[in-house]
């Protein structure tokens, strides 16, 4: 399989947990601990098959970052999965309106996530 994923999350524990599960499933994982760092990386020649983004981050939240990612030509139609710990009514719709392909609440259901990827 060897699909390349970018995980954007300000919590190193979440990055570690997601990376462990995804690598065991054959994915190559890279991570950024801020949306600003991720946007800089995505503007380079680095290409990712999918992006997982935490919606609540201190520098730039996912609701602001996803539209900026979509403005990068090669990511206009990319798979972007929003991940959030504070699931509230309407969050899924809000994530999709921001440009996410899908929404997953924490704790992440690994089977659901793998199915989306």
Protein backbone atom coordinates (compact mmCIF):
# COMPACT_ATOMS: atom_id res chain seq x y z
CA UNK A 1 0.00 0.00 0.00
CA UNK A 2 2.59 2.59 1.18
CA UNK A 3 0.32 5.63 1.13
CA UNK A 4 1.84 8.77 2.61
CA UNK A 5 -0.07 10.60 5.34
CA UNK A 6 0.42 13.91 7.12
CA UNK A 7 -0.80 14.12 10.71
CA UNK A 8 -1.31 17.65 12.04
CA UNK A 9 -1.81 17.74 15.81
CA UNK A 10 -0.31 19.85 18.60
CA UNK A 11 -0.32 16.90 21.03
CA UNK A 12 2.68 14.59 20.57
CA UNK A 13 0.81 11.75 22.30
CA UNK A 14 -1.92 11.82 19.65
CA UNK A 15 0.68 11.89 16.89
CA UNK A 16 2.48 8.92 18.45
CA UNK A 17 -0.71 6.87 18.84
CA UNK A 18 -1.97 7.57 15.31
CA UNK A 19 1.44 6.98 13.78
CA UNK A 20 1.85 3.62 15.53
CA UNK A 21 -1.51 2.34 14.30
CA UNK A 22 -1.20 3.72 10.78
CA UNK A 23 2.37 2.49 10.22
CA UNK A 24 1.29 -0.99 11.34
CA UNK A 25 -1.35 -0.78 8.59
CA UNK A 26 1.23 0.06 5.93
CA UNK A 27 1.09 3.85 5.84
CA UNK A 28 4.10 6.15 5.81
CA UNK A 29 3.41 8.92 8.34
CA UNK A 30 4.82 12.41 8.72
CA UNK A 31 3.69 14.89 11.33
CA UNK A 32 3.56 18.58 12.14
CA UNK A 33 2.66 20.03 15.54
CA UNK A 34 1.08 23.18 14.14
CA UNK A 35 -1.07 24.08 11.18
CA UNK A 36 1.38 26.83 10.23
CA UNK A 37 4.22 24.32 10.04
CA UNK A 38 1.99 21.97 8.01
CA UNK A 39 1.04 24.68 5.52
CA UNK A 40 4.71 25.48 4.98
CA UNK A 41 5.41 21.80 4.35
CA UNK A 42 2.42 21.36 2.04
CA UNK A 43 3.59 24.28 -0.10
CA UNK A 44 6.86 22.44 -0.86
CA UNK A 45 7.19 19.59 -3.33
CA UNK A 46 6.29 17.10 -0.60
CA UNK A 47 3.15 15.19 -1.64
CA UNK A 48 0.78 13.40 0.73
CA UNK A 49 -2.06 11.04 -0.15
CA UNK A 50 -4.17 12.14 2.83
CA UNK A 51 -4.10 14.59 5.74
CA UNK A 52 -5.39 14.07 9.28
CA UNK A 53 -5.89 17.34 11.12
CA UNK A 54 -6.80 18.08 14.73
CA UNK A 55 -9.44 20.79 14.72
CA UNK A 56 -8.41 22.48 17.97
CA UNK A 57 -4.86 23.84 17.85
CA UNK A 58 -3.44 27.00 19.37
CA UNK A 59 -1.77 28.62 16.35
CA UNK A 60 -4.37 28.09 13.65
CA UNK A 61 -7.33 25.79 14.15
CA UNK A 62 -8.50 23.25 11.62
CA UNK A 63 -11.48 25.36 10.59
CA UNK A 64 -9.08 28.04 9.33
CA UNK A 65 -6.33 25.69 8.15
CA UNK A 66 -8.41 23.36 5.96
CA UNK A 67 -9.52 26.09 3.52
CA UNK A 68 -5.89 27.22 3.27
CA UNK A 69 -4.83 23.65 2.50
CA UNK A 70 -7.56 23.44 -0.15
CA UNK A 71 -6.12 26.58 -1.77
CA UNK A 72 -2.91 24.67 -2.55
CA UNK A 73 -3.60 23.24 -6.02
CA UNK A 74 -2.42 19.65 -5.42
CA UNK A 75 -4.57 19.43 -2.26
CA UNK A 76 -7.76 20.90 -3.68
CA UNK A 77 -9.35 17.43 -3.88
CA UNK A 78 -7.19 15.59 -1.32
CA UNK A 79 -8.58 13.45 1.47
CA UNK A 80 -8.56 15.62 4.60
CA UNK A 81 -9.95 14.01 7.74
CA UNK A 82 -10.86 16.30 10.63
CA UNK A 83 -10.21 14.87 14.09
CA UNK A 84 -11.57 16.42 17.27
CA UNK A 85 -11.78 15.53 20.94
CA UNK A 86 -14.62 17.87 21.78
CA UNK A 87 -17.41 16.39 19.68
CA UNK A 88 -20.40 18.69 19.85
CA UNK A 89 -23.66 18.63 17.90
CA UNK A 90 -23.04 20.17 14.49
CA UNK A 91 -19.27 19.63 14.54
CA UNK A 92 -19.30 17.18 11.64
CA UNK A 93 -21.25 19.60 9.46
CA UNK A 94 -18.98 22.48 10.46
CA UNK A 95 -15.88 20.42 9.56
CA UNK A 96 -17.34 19.45 6.20
CA UNK A 97 -18.27 23.08 5.50
CA UNK A 98 -14.65 24.06 6.24
CA UNK A 99 -13.56 21.62 3.53
CA UNK A 100 -12.86 18.36 5.37
CA UNK A 101 -13.60 15.16 3.48
CA UNK A 102 -14.77 13.47 6.66
CA UNK A 103 -14.85 13.84 10.44
CA UNK A 104 -13.69 11.46 13.19
CA UNK A 105 -14.14 12.06 16.93
CA UNK A 106 -11.52 11.17 19.53
CA UNK A 107 -10.85 8.62 20.79
CA UNK A 108 -10.34 7.59 17.19
CA UNK A 109 -12.10 4.45 16.02
CA UNK A 110 -9.17 2.90 14.15
CA UNK A 111 -11.33 0.68 11.93
CA UNK A 112 -13.44 3.66 10.90
CA UNK A 113 -10.33 5.75 10.20
CA UNK A 114 -8.72 3.00 8.12
CA UNK A 115 -11.97 2.61 6.19
CA UNK A 116 -11.95 6.31 5.36
CA UNK A 117 -8.35 6.19 4.21
